[in-house]
Each structure stands twice: as C-alpha cells, then as structure tokens.
C-alpha cells in the first residue's frame, strides 16, 4: 500500500460531510419523487503533489454543455456505483479499471435534474495514458488536489434561477493562461470532499 493511498484512506474514514445545506443541496430536489442513479470517478494521480482529473463537456452535449465535470454517468442495471464510475472513466478518458485503486465512495449528491450521484474516489498512476472520447470530452486537465480542496479557493456564488436564489461553489484553476471554472455539481462535490479529507497540501 502506498503512502498516499494510506493517507487518503485514513482521512476519508475519519472525515465527515461538512458542506452547509445551502451549498450541498439543490432546492429543486424536494420536488423530485425518484432519482436516476449515477456515479463519477474522482481520480487522484499518485504523485508527490497529487492532482485530480477533470474534463470539459463538449458544447454540443444536451446535458450540461461546456461544463467541467468528473468522468461519470448513469449506473446501468446490475452495476454498482464503483463499476459504473470505472466504466465511464474508461469510456470517456480511456482509463482502464485495473489501473484505478479504489478507496471508497463519498456522500450522495442529488441534483435538480433528477440524478443521485455517488462519487467514487480512486488513485491512478501519474504516468497513465489518457485517451479522451471526443463525443463526451472536449478537453481534460489535471488540477492540484491541494488547490481544488482548499476552502480558500472555493468561492460562494449566488444566482437567481426560476424565481429562486441558488447558492453554489465556484473554483477557478488557471493553467497555461486558461481559466478552468469549476462549479455546479462538481463544485458541490469538491466542497463536500474538502470537509471529508481536510486536505493540506
């Protein structure tokens, strides 16, 4: 067992969900009777300064076009959340399931669009080959775990949508002159995970 795997596992086991309800819960979920199960893979690169893989959805996609997300999607009948997250990561980024060392699953997140998402945390080799699927991935990048899980970098924003105030977390990671604006479901999951892991880079 690597030092990073042991450290993340230990932090994950003793952590707790610390996201305030206003940032963790979409107010529209109370109107939804049943949710479609989904899973995402939070892939952490096993290096001295670990990174986290994220991707931009193509602007042509019907759902969440252009947004930054974790690899993931719906859980097929008969699949577990872990199996679904690994399958989706393989389909979207070419990450082989056998190259992921799964640590565990984090807190469920229910979206206003009717999905119940299980985040799956796993470690991947630092030199892993990424082969993005252009139908589902416009661009992928690796952001430092210490940056995206730092609460100082997780800004609270609020917008009016459908007559309601929606609060959300926004994280802006700049790499090679490009701002990667992380928000929505991905921002909420990272905000929650920051409380679970209490990460200090």
N, C-alpha and C. Protein backbone atom coordinates (compact mmCIF):
# COMPACT_ATOMS: atom_id res chain seq x y z
N UNK A 1 0.85 -1.19 0.00
CA UNK A 1 0.00 0.00 0.00
C UNK A 1 0.88 1.24 0.00
N UNK A 2 0.61 2.18 -0.91
CA UNK A 2 1.41 3.39 -0.99
C UNK A 2 1.07 4.33 0.15
N UNK A 3 2.00 5.27 0.42
CA UNK A 3 1.77 6.26 1.48
C UNK A 3 0.57 7.13 1.17
N UNK A 4 0.40 7.49 -0.12
CA UNK A 4 -0.73 8.34 -0.49
C UNK A 4 -2.05 7.60 -0.31
N UNK A 5 -2.10 6.33 -0.74
CA UNK A 5 -3.32 5.54 -0.59
C UNK A 5 -3.69 5.44 0.89
N UNK A 6 -2.69 5.18 1.74
CA UNK A 6 -2.95 5.05 3.17
C UNK A 6 -3.43 6.37 3.76
N UNK A 7 -2.80 7.47 3.32
CA UNK A 7 -3.16 8.78 3.87
C UNK A 7 -4.57 9.18 3.47
N UNK A 8 -4.92 9.00 2.19
CA UNK A 8 -6.26 9.37 1.74
C UNK A 8 -7.30 8.47 2.39
N UNK A 9 -7.01 7.18 2.48
CA UNK A 9 -7.95 6.25 3.11
C UNK A 9 -8.20 6.64 4.56
N UNK A 10 -7.14 6.98 5.28
CA UNK A 10 -7.28 7.34 6.69
C UNK A 10 -8.11 8.62 6.84
N UNK A 11 -7.80 9.63 6.04
CA UNK A 11 -8.55 10.88 6.12
C UNK A 11 -10.01 10.66 5.75
N UNK A 12 -10.23 9.82 4.76
CA UNK A 12 -11.59 9.57 4.29
C UNK A 12 -12.41 8.87 5.37
N UNK A 13 -11.80 7.94 6.07
CA UNK A 13 -12.52 7.17 7.09
C UNK A 13 -12.90 8.03 8.29
N UNK A 14 -12.04 8.98 8.67
CA UNK A 14 -12.32 9.78 9.86
C UNK A 14 -13.01 11.09 9.52
N UNK A 15 -13.15 11.39 8.23
CA UNK A 15 -13.76 12.66 7.82
C UNK A 15 -15.26 12.67 8.03
N UNK A 16 -15.84 13.82 7.69
CA UNK A 16 -17.28 13.96 7.85
C UNK A 16 -17.79 14.91 6.78
N UNK A 17 -19.07 14.79 6.46
CA UNK A 17 -19.67 15.69 5.48
C UNK A 17 -19.84 17.05 6.13
N UNK A 18 -19.18 18.07 5.59
CA UNK A 18 -19.15 19.37 6.24
C UNK A 18 -19.73 20.49 5.40
N UNK A 19 -20.36 20.17 4.29
CA UNK A 19 -20.89 21.21 3.42
C UNK A 19 -22.20 21.75 3.98
N UNK A 20 -22.34 23.08 4.11
CA UNK A 20 -23.61 23.65 4.57
C UNK A 20 -24.73 23.27 3.62
N UNK A 21 -25.94 23.06 4.13
CA UNK A 21 -27.05 22.65 3.26
C UNK A 21 -27.28 23.58 2.08
N UNK A 22 -27.08 24.88 2.25
CA UNK A 22 -27.32 25.82 1.16
C UNK A 22 -26.39 25.56 -0.03
N UNK A 23 -25.23 24.99 0.25
CA UNK A 23 -24.28 24.73 -0.82
C UNK A 23 -24.31 23.28 -1.27
N UNK A 24 -24.87 22.41 -0.45
CA UNK A 24 -24.83 20.98 -0.75
C UNK A 24 -26.11 20.48 -1.39
N UNK A 25 -27.20 21.20 -1.18
CA UNK A 25 -28.50 20.71 -1.64
C UNK A 25 -29.11 21.67 -2.66
N UNK A 26 -29.48 21.14 -3.80
CA UNK A 26 -30.21 21.91 -4.79
C UNK A 26 -31.66 22.03 -4.31
N UNK A 27 -32.20 23.25 -4.18
CA UNK A 27 -33.55 23.38 -3.64
C UNK A 27 -34.63 22.69 -4.45
N UNK A 28 -34.34 22.34 -5.70
CA UNK A 28 -35.34 21.69 -6.55
C UNK A 28 -35.53 20.21 -6.22
N UNK A 29 -34.63 19.62 -5.43
CA UNK A 29 -34.71 18.17 -5.21
C UNK A 29 -35.96 17.78 -4.42
N UNK A 30 -36.51 18.71 -3.64
CA UNK A 30 -37.69 18.39 -2.85
C UNK A 30 -38.91 18.11 -3.73
N UNK A 31 -38.85 18.54 -4.98
CA UNK A 31 -39.97 18.36 -5.89
C UNK A 31 -39.85 17.09 -6.72
N UNK A 32 -38.76 16.34 -6.54
CA UNK A 32 -38.50 15.15 -7.35
C UNK A 32 -38.84 13.90 -6.55
N UNK A 33 -39.66 13.03 -7.12
CA UNK A 33 -40.10 11.83 -6.41
C UNK A 33 -39.11 10.68 -6.50
N UNK A 34 -38.45 10.52 -7.64
CA UNK A 34 -37.48 9.44 -7.79
C UNK A 34 -36.28 9.94 -8.57
N UNK A 35 -35.12 9.39 -8.25
CA UNK A 35 -33.87 9.85 -8.84
C UNK A 35 -33.23 8.74 -9.67
N UNK A 36 -32.55 9.15 -10.71
CA UNK A 36 -31.80 8.20 -11.54
C UNK A 36 -30.40 8.04 -10.94
N UNK A 37 -29.96 6.82 -10.65
CA UNK A 37 -28.64 6.63 -10.04
C UNK A 37 -27.51 6.88 -11.04
N UNK A 38 -26.47 7.55 -10.56
CA UNK A 38 -25.30 7.85 -11.38
C UNK A 38 -24.06 7.81 -10.49
N UNK A 39 -22.90 7.79 -11.13
CA UNK A 39 -21.64 7.75 -10.39
C UNK A 39 -20.57 8.51 -11.15
N UNK A 40 -19.64 9.09 -10.41
CA UNK A 40 -18.50 9.77 -11.02
C UNK A 40 -17.22 9.24 -10.38
N UNK A 41 -16.12 9.34 -11.12
CA UNK A 41 -14.83 8.92 -10.58
C UNK A 41 -14.00 10.16 -10.25
N UNK A 42 -13.62 10.27 -9.00
CA UNK A 42 -12.67 11.31 -8.58
C UNK A 42 -11.29 10.65 -8.61
N UNK A 43 -10.60 10.85 -9.73
CA UNK A 43 -9.32 10.17 -9.96
C UNK A 43 -8.18 11.07 -9.50
N UNK A 44 -7.44 10.60 -8.51
CA UNK A 44 -6.30 11.34 -7.95
C UNK A 44 -5.01 10.69 -8.43
N UNK A 45 -4.14 11.51 -9.00
CA UNK A 45 -2.87 10.99 -9.51
C UNK A 45 -1.89 10.78 -8.36
N UNK A 46 -1.28 9.61 -8.37
CA UNK A 46 -0.40 9.20 -7.27
C UNK A 46 1.01 9.75 -7.50
N UNK A 47 1.17 11.03 -7.16
CA UNK A 47 2.47 11.69 -7.26
C UNK A 47 2.74 12.49 -5.99
N UNK A 48 3.95 13.07 -5.89
CA UNK A 48 4.32 13.80 -4.67
C UNK A 48 3.33 14.92 -4.39
N UNK A 49 2.94 15.66 -5.43
CA UNK A 49 1.88 16.66 -5.30
C UNK A 49 0.70 16.17 -6.13
N UNK A 50 -0.21 15.44 -5.50
CA UNK A 50 -1.28 14.77 -6.25
C UNK A 50 -2.15 15.75 -7.03
N UNK A 51 -2.62 15.27 -8.17
CA UNK A 51 -3.56 16.04 -8.98
C UNK A 51 -4.89 15.32 -9.06
N UNK A 52 -5.87 15.99 -9.66
CA UNK A 52 -7.20 15.42 -9.81
C UNK A 52 -7.64 15.63 -11.25
N UNK A 53 -8.15 14.58 -11.90
CA UNK A 53 -8.55 14.68 -13.30
C UNK A 53 -9.97 15.23 -13.43
N UNK A 54 -10.10 16.22 -14.32
CA UNK A 54 -11.40 16.82 -14.62
C UNK A 54 -11.51 17.00 -16.12
N UNK A 55 -12.72 17.19 -16.61
CA UNK A 55 -12.89 17.33 -18.05
C UNK A 55 -13.95 18.37 -18.37
N UNK A 56 -13.82 18.94 -19.56
CA UNK A 56 -14.82 19.86 -20.10
C UNK A 56 -15.76 19.05 -20.99
N UNK A 57 -17.06 19.19 -20.75
CA UNK A 57 -18.03 18.56 -21.63
C UNK A 57 -18.12 19.34 -22.95
N UNK A 58 -18.32 18.66 -24.07
CA UNK A 58 -18.47 19.38 -25.35
C UNK A 58 -19.67 20.33 -25.30
N UNK A 59 -19.55 21.45 -25.98
CA UNK A 59 -20.63 22.44 -26.00
C UNK A 59 -21.86 21.92 -26.75
N UNK A 60 -21.69 20.83 -27.49
CA UNK A 60 -22.80 20.27 -28.26
C UNK A 60 -23.66 19.29 -27.47
N UNK A 61 -23.24 18.95 -26.25
CA UNK A 61 -23.99 17.97 -25.47
C UNK A 61 -25.32 18.56 -25.00
N UNK A 62 -26.34 17.70 -24.91
CA UNK A 62 -27.66 18.16 -24.48
C UNK A 62 -27.68 18.51 -23.00
N UNK A 63 -26.98 17.71 -22.19
CA UNK A 63 -26.96 17.95 -20.74
C UNK A 63 -25.64 18.58 -20.33
N UNK A 64 -25.71 19.68 -19.60
CA UNK A 64 -24.54 20.36 -19.05
C UNK A 64 -23.45 20.66 -20.10
N UNK A 65 -23.82 21.25 -21.23
CA UNK A 65 -22.82 21.53 -22.27
C UNK A 65 -21.74 22.50 -21.79
N UNK A 66 -20.49 22.16 -22.10
CA UNK A 66 -19.37 23.03 -21.78
C UNK A 66 -18.94 23.04 -20.33
N UNK A 67 -19.66 22.39 -19.45
CA UNK A 67 -19.32 22.43 -18.03
C UNK A 67 -18.15 21.51 -17.71
N UNK A 68 -17.50 21.81 -16.60
CA UNK A 68 -16.42 20.96 -16.10
C UNK A 68 -17.02 19.89 -15.21
N UNK A 69 -16.57 18.67 -15.39
CA UNK A 69 -17.15 17.54 -14.66
C UNK A 69 -16.09 16.49 -14.37
N UNK A 70 -16.45 15.55 -13.51
CA UNK A 70 -15.68 14.33 -13.34
C UNK A 70 -16.16 13.34 -14.40
N UNK A 71 -15.31 12.41 -14.80
CA UNK A 71 -15.83 11.34 -15.67
C UNK A 71 -16.91 10.58 -14.93
N UNK A 72 -18.00 10.29 -15.62
CA UNK A 72 -19.08 9.58 -14.95
C UNK A 72 -20.35 9.61 -15.76
N UNK A 73 -21.38 8.97 -15.22
CA UNK A 73 -22.66 8.90 -15.91
C UNK A 73 -23.62 8.00 -15.16
N UNK A 74 -24.68 7.58 -15.84
CA UNK A 74 -25.71 6.77 -15.21
C UNK A 74 -25.20 5.38 -14.84
N UNK A 75 -25.76 4.84 -13.77
CA UNK A 75 -25.47 3.47 -13.36
C UNK A 75 -26.41 2.55 -14.11
N UNK A 76 -25.85 1.61 -14.86
CA UNK A 76 -26.67 0.67 -15.62
C UNK A 76 -27.26 -0.39 -14.69
N UNK A 77 -28.38 -1.00 -15.08
CA UNK A 77 -28.97 -2.07 -14.26
C UNK A 77 -27.95 -3.17 -13.97
N UNK A 78 -27.87 -3.56 -12.72
CA UNK A 78 -26.94 -4.62 -12.33
C UNK A 78 -25.56 -4.14 -11.94
N UNK A 79 -25.27 -2.87 -12.16
CA UNK A 79 -23.96 -2.31 -11.82
C UNK A 79 -23.96 -1.73 -10.41
N UNK A 80 -22.79 -1.73 -9.78
CA UNK A 80 -22.59 -0.96 -8.56
C UNK A 80 -22.10 0.43 -8.97
N UNK A 81 -22.09 1.34 -8.01
CA UNK A 81 -21.59 2.69 -8.30
C UNK A 81 -20.13 2.65 -8.70
N UNK A 82 -19.35 1.80 -8.05
CA UNK A 82 -17.92 1.70 -8.39
C UNK A 82 -17.74 1.19 -9.81
N UNK A 83 -18.49 0.15 -10.17
CA UNK A 83 -18.39 -0.41 -11.52
C UNK A 83 -18.79 0.63 -12.57
N UNK A 84 -19.83 1.39 -12.28
CA UNK A 84 -20.28 2.40 -13.24
C UNK A 84 -19.24 3.51 -13.40
N UNK A 85 -18.67 3.98 -12.29
CA UNK A 85 -17.67 5.05 -12.35
C UNK A 85 -16.44 4.60 -13.14
N UNK A 86 -16.01 3.37 -12.93
CA UNK A 86 -14.84 2.85 -13.64
C UNK A 86 -15.15 2.66 -15.12
N UNK A 87 -16.35 2.18 -15.43
CA UNK A 87 -16.74 2.01 -16.83
C UNK A 87 -16.78 3.35 -17.56
N UNK A 88 -17.39 4.34 -16.92
CA UNK A 88 -17.50 5.66 -17.55
C UNK A 88 -16.13 6.30 -17.73
N UNK A 89 -15.24 6.14 -16.75
CA UNK A 89 -13.89 6.70 -16.88
C UNK A 89 -13.14 6.05 -18.03
N UNK A 90 -13.39 4.77 -18.24
CA UNK A 90 -12.76 4.09 -19.36
C UNK A 90 -13.34 4.57 -20.68
N UNK A 91 -14.66 4.73 -20.74
CA UNK A 91 -15.31 5.18 -21.97
C UNK A 91 -14.94 6.62 -22.32
N UNK A 92 -14.80 7.45 -21.32
CA UNK A 92 -14.58 8.88 -21.56
C UNK A 92 -13.11 9.28 -21.66
N UNK A 93 -12.26 8.66 -20.84
CA UNK A 93 -10.85 9.05 -20.80
C UNK A 93 -9.88 7.92 -21.11
N UNK A 94 -10.41 6.73 -21.35
CA UNK A 94 -9.53 5.60 -21.67
C UNK A 94 -8.80 5.03 -20.47
N UNK A 95 -9.27 5.35 -19.25
CA UNK A 95 -8.63 4.83 -18.04
C UNK A 95 -9.12 3.40 -17.80
N UNK A 96 -8.19 2.45 -17.78
CA UNK A 96 -8.57 1.06 -17.57
C UNK A 96 -8.96 0.83 -16.11
N UNK A 97 -10.04 0.09 -15.87
CA UNK A 97 -10.46 -0.16 -14.48
C UNK A 97 -9.35 -0.75 -13.61
N UNK A 98 -8.51 -1.60 -14.20
CA UNK A 98 -7.45 -2.24 -13.40
C UNK A 98 -6.36 -1.25 -13.00
N UNK A 99 -6.36 -0.05 -13.58
CA UNK A 99 -5.36 0.96 -13.23
C UNK A 99 -5.84 1.90 -12.13
N UNK A 100 -7.04 1.66 -11.62
CA UNK A 100 -7.60 2.51 -10.57
C UNK A 100 -7.61 1.74 -9.25
N UNK A 101 -7.02 2.34 -8.23
CA UNK A 101 -7.04 1.76 -6.89
C UNK A 101 -8.15 2.46 -6.11
N UNK A 102 -9.29 1.81 -6.02
CA UNK A 102 -10.47 2.42 -5.41
C UNK A 102 -10.30 2.53 -3.90
N UNK A 103 -10.57 3.72 -3.37
CA UNK A 103 -10.51 3.96 -1.93
C UNK A 103 -11.89 3.80 -1.30
N UNK A 104 -12.89 4.34 -1.96
CA UNK A 104 -14.24 4.22 -1.42
C UNK A 104 -15.19 5.19 -2.09
N UNK A 105 -16.40 5.27 -1.57
CA UNK A 105 -17.41 6.18 -2.11
C UNK A 105 -17.71 7.27 -1.09
N UNK A 106 -18.04 8.45 -1.62
CA UNK A 106 -18.33 9.59 -0.76
C UNK A 106 -19.84 9.81 -0.68
N UNK A 107 -20.24 10.96 -0.15
CA UNK A 107 -21.64 11.25 0.10
C UNK A 107 -22.43 11.42 -1.19
N UNK A 108 -23.64 10.89 -1.20
CA UNK A 108 -24.53 11.03 -2.35
C UNK A 108 -24.86 12.50 -2.59
N UNK A 109 -24.96 12.88 -3.87
CA UNK A 109 -25.39 14.23 -4.22
C UNK A 109 -26.58 14.14 -5.15
N UNK A 110 -27.67 14.77 -4.76
CA UNK A 110 -28.88 14.77 -5.58
C UNK A 110 -28.98 16.09 -6.35
N UNK A 111 -29.21 15.98 -7.64
CA UNK A 111 -29.26 17.15 -8.49
C UNK A 111 -30.70 17.56 -8.78
N UNK A 112 -30.85 18.83 -9.15
CA UNK A 112 -32.16 19.33 -9.51
C UNK A 112 -32.68 18.76 -10.81
N UNK A 113 -31.79 18.11 -11.57
CA UNK A 113 -32.20 17.48 -12.82
C UNK A 113 -32.60 16.01 -12.62
N UNK A 114 -32.59 15.55 -11.36
CA UNK A 114 -33.12 14.23 -11.06
C UNK A 114 -32.11 13.10 -10.98
N UNK A 115 -30.85 13.42 -10.74
CA UNK A 115 -29.84 12.37 -10.60
C UNK A 115 -29.36 12.28 -9.15
N UNK A 116 -29.07 11.06 -8.72
CA UNK A 116 -28.47 10.80 -7.41
C UNK A 116 -27.06 10.26 -7.68
N UNK A 117 -26.06 11.09 -7.41
CA UNK A 117 -24.69 10.80 -7.84
C UNK A 117 -23.85 10.27 -6.68
N UNK A 118 -23.18 9.16 -6.92
CA UNK A 118 -22.23 8.61 -5.96
C UNK A 118 -20.82 8.93 -6.42
N UNK A 119 -20.07 9.75 -5.69
CA UNK A 119 -18.66 9.98 -6.03
C UNK A 119 -17.81 8.80 -5.58
N UNK A 120 -16.97 8.30 -6.48
CA UNK A 120 -16.05 7.20 -6.18
C UNK A 120 -14.63 7.75 -6.21
N UNK A 121 -13.90 7.56 -5.12
CA UNK A 121 -12.54 8.09 -5.02
C UNK A 121 -11.56 6.97 -5.32
N UNK A 122 -10.58 7.26 -6.19
CA UNK A 122 -9.57 6.27 -6.53
C UNK A 122 -8.26 6.91 -6.93
N UNK A 123 -7.19 6.16 -6.80
CA UNK A 123 -5.86 6.63 -7.20
C UNK A 123 -5.49 6.03 -8.55
N UNK A 124 -4.80 6.83 -9.37
CA UNK A 124 -4.32 6.35 -10.66
C UNK A 124 -2.83 6.65 -10.79
N UNK A 125 -2.10 5.89 -11.61
CA UNK A 125 -0.66 6.15 -11.79
C UNK A 125 -0.42 7.54 -12.38
N UNK A 126 0.68 8.19 -12.01
CA UNK A 126 0.95 9.54 -12.53
C UNK A 126 1.25 9.57 -14.02
N UNK A 127 1.71 8.45 -14.57
CA UNK A 127 2.08 8.41 -15.98
C UNK A 127 1.01 7.71 -16.83
N UNK A 128 -0.22 7.64 -16.34
CA UNK A 128 -1.27 6.93 -17.05
C UNK A 128 -1.57 7.62 -18.38
N UNK A 129 -1.86 6.84 -19.39
CA UNK A 129 -2.19 7.38 -20.71
C UNK A 129 -3.67 7.72 -20.76
N UNK A 130 -3.96 8.97 -21.12
CA UNK A 130 -5.34 9.43 -21.23
C UNK A 130 -5.73 9.50 -22.70
N UNK A 131 -6.83 8.85 -23.06
CA UNK A 131 -7.32 8.86 -24.43
C UNK A 131 -8.77 9.36 -24.40
N UNK A 132 -8.97 10.68 -24.52
CA UNK A 132 -10.32 11.22 -24.39
C UNK A 132 -11.23 10.84 -25.56
N UNK A 133 -12.49 10.60 -25.24
CA UNK A 133 -13.51 10.32 -26.24
C UNK A 133 -14.09 11.66 -26.70
N UNK A 134 -13.85 12.08 -27.95
CA UNK A 134 -14.30 13.41 -28.39
C UNK A 134 -15.80 13.61 -28.35
N UNK A 135 -16.56 12.54 -28.34
CA UNK A 135 -18.01 12.67 -28.26
C UNK A 135 -18.47 13.12 -26.88
N UNK A 136 -17.63 12.87 -25.86
CA UNK A 136 -18.01 13.19 -24.49
C UNK A 136 -17.05 14.13 -23.78
N UNK A 137 -15.86 14.34 -24.38
CA UNK A 137 -14.83 15.14 -23.72
C UNK A 137 -14.27 16.15 -24.71
N UNK A 138 -14.44 17.44 -24.42
CA UNK A 138 -13.86 18.46 -25.27
C UNK A 138 -12.40 18.72 -24.89
N UNK A 139 -12.11 18.55 -23.61
CA UNK A 139 -10.77 18.82 -23.08
C UNK A 139 -10.69 18.20 -21.69
N UNK A 140 -9.51 17.76 -21.31
CA UNK A 140 -9.31 17.27 -19.96
C UNK A 140 -8.09 17.97 -19.36
N UNK A 141 -8.04 18.03 -18.04
CA UNK A 141 -6.90 18.67 -17.38
C UNK A 141 -6.74 18.07 -15.99
N UNK A 142 -5.59 18.32 -15.41
CA UNK A 142 -5.28 17.85 -14.06
C UNK A 142 -5.03 19.07 -13.18
N UNK A 143 -5.81 19.23 -12.14
CA UNK A 143 -5.66 20.34 -11.20
C UNK A 143 -5.11 19.81 -9.88
N UNK A 144 -4.27 20.58 -9.20
CA UNK A 144 -3.71 20.11 -7.93
C UNK A 144 -4.80 19.85 -6.89
N UNK A 145 -4.73 18.71 -6.24
CA UNK A 145 -5.70 18.38 -5.20
C UNK A 145 -5.66 19.44 -4.10
N UNK A 146 -4.44 19.88 -3.76
CA UNK A 146 -4.30 20.88 -2.71
C UNK A 146 -4.97 22.20 -3.04
N UNK A 147 -5.14 22.50 -4.33
CA UNK A 147 -5.80 23.74 -4.73
C UNK A 147 -7.32 23.59 -4.72
N UNK A 148 -7.83 22.55 -5.38
CA UNK A 148 -9.28 22.43 -5.52
C UNK A 148 -9.96 22.06 -4.20
N UNK A 149 -9.23 21.46 -3.26
CA UNK A 149 -9.81 21.11 -1.97
C UNK A 149 -9.52 22.14 -0.88
N UNK A 150 -8.89 23.24 -1.25
CA UNK A 150 -8.62 24.33 -0.31
C UNK A 150 -9.86 25.21 -0.23
N UNK A 151 -10.48 25.28 0.93
CA UNK A 151 -11.70 26.07 1.08
C UNK A 151 -11.47 27.54 0.72
N UNK A 152 -10.22 28.02 0.82
CA UNK A 152 -9.93 29.41 0.46
C UNK A 152 -10.13 29.65 -1.02
N UNK A 153 -10.06 28.59 -1.83
CA UNK A 153 -10.25 28.71 -3.28
C UNK A 153 -11.67 28.37 -3.72
N UNK A 154 -12.53 28.06 -2.77
CA UNK A 154 -13.91 27.67 -3.07
C UNK A 154 -14.83 28.85 -2.72
N UNK A 155 -15.10 29.66 -3.73
CA UNK A 155 -15.89 30.87 -3.51
C UNK A 155 -17.39 30.57 -3.61
N UNK A 156 -18.16 31.21 -2.76
CA UNK A 156 -19.62 31.06 -2.79
C UNK A 156 -20.23 32.09 -3.73
N UNK A 157 -21.04 31.62 -4.65
CA UNK A 157 -21.74 32.49 -5.59
C UNK A 157 -23.25 32.25 -5.46
N UNK A 158 -24.05 33.17 -5.95
CA UNK A 158 -25.49 33.02 -5.91
C UNK A 158 -26.10 33.60 -7.18
N UNK A 159 -27.07 32.88 -7.73
CA UNK A 159 -27.78 33.35 -8.92
C UNK A 159 -29.28 33.14 -8.73
N UNK A 160 -30.06 33.91 -9.47
CA UNK A 160 -31.50 33.72 -9.49
C UNK A 160 -31.85 32.82 -10.68
N UNK A 161 -32.56 31.74 -10.40
CA UNK A 161 -32.95 30.81 -11.45
C UNK A 161 -34.34 30.30 -11.16
N UNK A 162 -35.23 30.45 -12.11
CA UNK A 162 -36.61 30.03 -11.97
C UNK A 162 -37.25 30.62 -10.72
N UNK A 163 -36.93 31.88 -10.45
CA UNK A 163 -37.53 32.58 -9.33
C UNK A 163 -36.96 32.26 -7.98
N UNK A 164 -35.85 31.49 -7.94
CA UNK A 164 -35.25 31.11 -6.67
C UNK A 164 -33.78 31.52 -6.64
N UNK A 165 -33.29 31.74 -5.44
CA UNK A 165 -31.86 32.00 -5.26
C UNK A 165 -31.14 30.67 -5.12
N UNK A 166 -30.14 30.45 -5.94
CA UNK A 166 -29.34 29.24 -5.89
C UNK A 166 -27.90 29.61 -5.49
N UNK A 167 -27.43 29.04 -4.38
CA UNK A 167 -26.04 29.23 -3.97
C UNK A 167 -25.20 28.09 -4.49
N UNK A 168 -23.99 28.38 -4.92
CA UNK A 168 -23.12 27.33 -5.42
C UNK A 168 -21.67 27.69 -5.16
N UNK A 169 -20.81 26.70 -5.28
CA UNK A 169 -19.37 26.88 -5.09
C UNK A 169 -18.70 27.03 -6.45
N UNK A 170 -17.79 27.98 -6.53
CA UNK A 170 -17.02 28.19 -7.76
C UNK A 170 -15.53 28.11 -7.43
N UNK A 171 -14.82 27.31 -8.21
CA UNK A 171 -13.36 27.16 -8.07
C UNK A 171 -12.74 27.48 -9.42
N UNK A 172 -11.80 28.40 -9.46
CA UNK A 172 -11.17 28.78 -10.72
C UNK A 172 -9.71 28.36 -10.69
N UNK A 173 -9.37 27.41 -11.55
CA UNK A 173 -7.99 26.93 -11.67
C UNK A 173 -7.43 27.43 -13.00
N UNK A 174 -6.33 28.18 -12.92
CA UNK A 174 -5.71 28.72 -14.13
C UNK A 174 -4.49 27.89 -14.48
N UNK A 175 -4.46 27.40 -15.71
CA UNK A 175 -3.32 26.62 -16.19
C UNK A 175 -2.99 27.07 -17.60
N UNK A 176 -1.74 27.45 -17.81
CA UNK A 176 -1.26 27.87 -19.12
C UNK A 176 -2.14 28.97 -19.71
N UNK A 177 -2.53 29.91 -18.86
CA UNK A 177 -3.29 31.05 -19.31
C UNK A 177 -4.78 30.81 -19.49
N UNK A 178 -5.26 29.62 -19.18
CA UNK A 178 -6.68 29.31 -19.33
C UNK A 178 -7.33 29.14 -17.97
N UNK A 179 -8.45 29.83 -17.77
CA UNK A 179 -9.22 29.66 -16.55
C UNK A 179 -10.17 28.47 -16.70
N UNK A 180 -10.05 27.53 -15.79
CA UNK A 180 -10.98 26.41 -15.73
C UNK A 180 -11.95 26.70 -14.58
N UNK A 181 -13.18 27.04 -14.90
CA UNK A 181 -14.17 27.44 -13.89
C UNK A 181 -15.01 26.22 -13.50
N UNK A 182 -14.80 25.77 -12.28
CA UNK A 182 -15.48 24.58 -11.75
C UNK A 182 -16.62 25.05 -10.86
N UNK A 183 -17.84 24.56 -11.13
CA UNK A 183 -18.98 24.97 -10.32
C UNK A 183 -20.07 23.89 -10.40
N UNK A 184 -21.28 24.25 -10.01
CA UNK A 184 -22.39 23.30 -10.11
C UNK A 184 -22.18 22.05 -9.29
N UNK A 185 -22.56 20.91 -9.86
CA UNK A 185 -22.44 19.63 -9.18
C UNK A 185 -20.99 19.34 -8.80
N UNK A 186 -20.07 19.60 -9.71
CA UNK A 186 -18.65 19.32 -9.46
C UNK A 186 -18.13 20.17 -8.31
N UNK A 187 -18.49 21.45 -8.30
CA UNK A 187 -18.07 22.32 -7.21
C UNK A 187 -18.63 21.87 -5.87
N UNK A 188 -19.89 21.42 -5.84
CA UNK A 188 -20.50 20.96 -4.60
C UNK A 188 -19.82 19.69 -4.09
N UNK A 189 -19.52 18.77 -4.99
CA UNK A 189 -18.85 17.53 -4.58
C UNK A 189 -17.46 17.83 -4.02
N UNK A 190 -16.73 18.75 -4.66
CA UNK A 190 -15.40 19.12 -4.16
C UNK A 190 -15.49 19.83 -2.81
N UNK A 191 -16.50 20.67 -2.65
CA UNK A 191 -16.69 21.37 -1.38
C UNK A 191 -16.94 20.37 -0.26
N UNK A 192 -17.77 19.38 -0.53
CA UNK A 192 -18.05 18.34 0.45
C UNK A 192 -16.81 17.50 0.73
N UNK A 193 -16.09 17.14 -0.35
CA UNK A 193 -14.91 16.30 -0.18
C UNK A 193 -13.82 17.01 0.61
N UNK A 194 -13.75 18.34 0.49
CA UNK A 194 -12.78 19.10 1.27
C UNK A 194 -13.02 18.90 2.77
N UNK A 195 -14.30 18.81 3.15
CA UNK A 195 -14.61 18.55 4.54
C UNK A 195 -14.32 17.12 4.95
N UNK A 196 -14.51 16.20 4.01
CA UNK A 196 -14.24 14.78 4.31
C UNK A 196 -12.75 14.52 4.52
N UNK A 197 -11.91 15.12 3.66
CA UNK A 197 -10.49 14.80 3.67
C UNK A 197 -9.64 15.77 4.47
N UNK A 198 -10.15 17.00 4.68
CA UNK A 198 -9.38 18.01 5.40
C UNK A 198 -7.96 18.09 4.83
N UNK A 199 -7.88 18.29 3.51
CA UNK A 199 -6.60 18.19 2.79
C UNK A 199 -5.74 19.42 3.03
N UNK A 200 -4.45 19.19 3.31
CA UNK A 200 -3.48 20.28 3.42
C UNK A 200 -2.30 19.93 2.55
N UNK A 201 -2.06 20.73 1.50
CA UNK A 201 -1.00 20.43 0.55
C UNK A 201 0.36 20.72 1.14
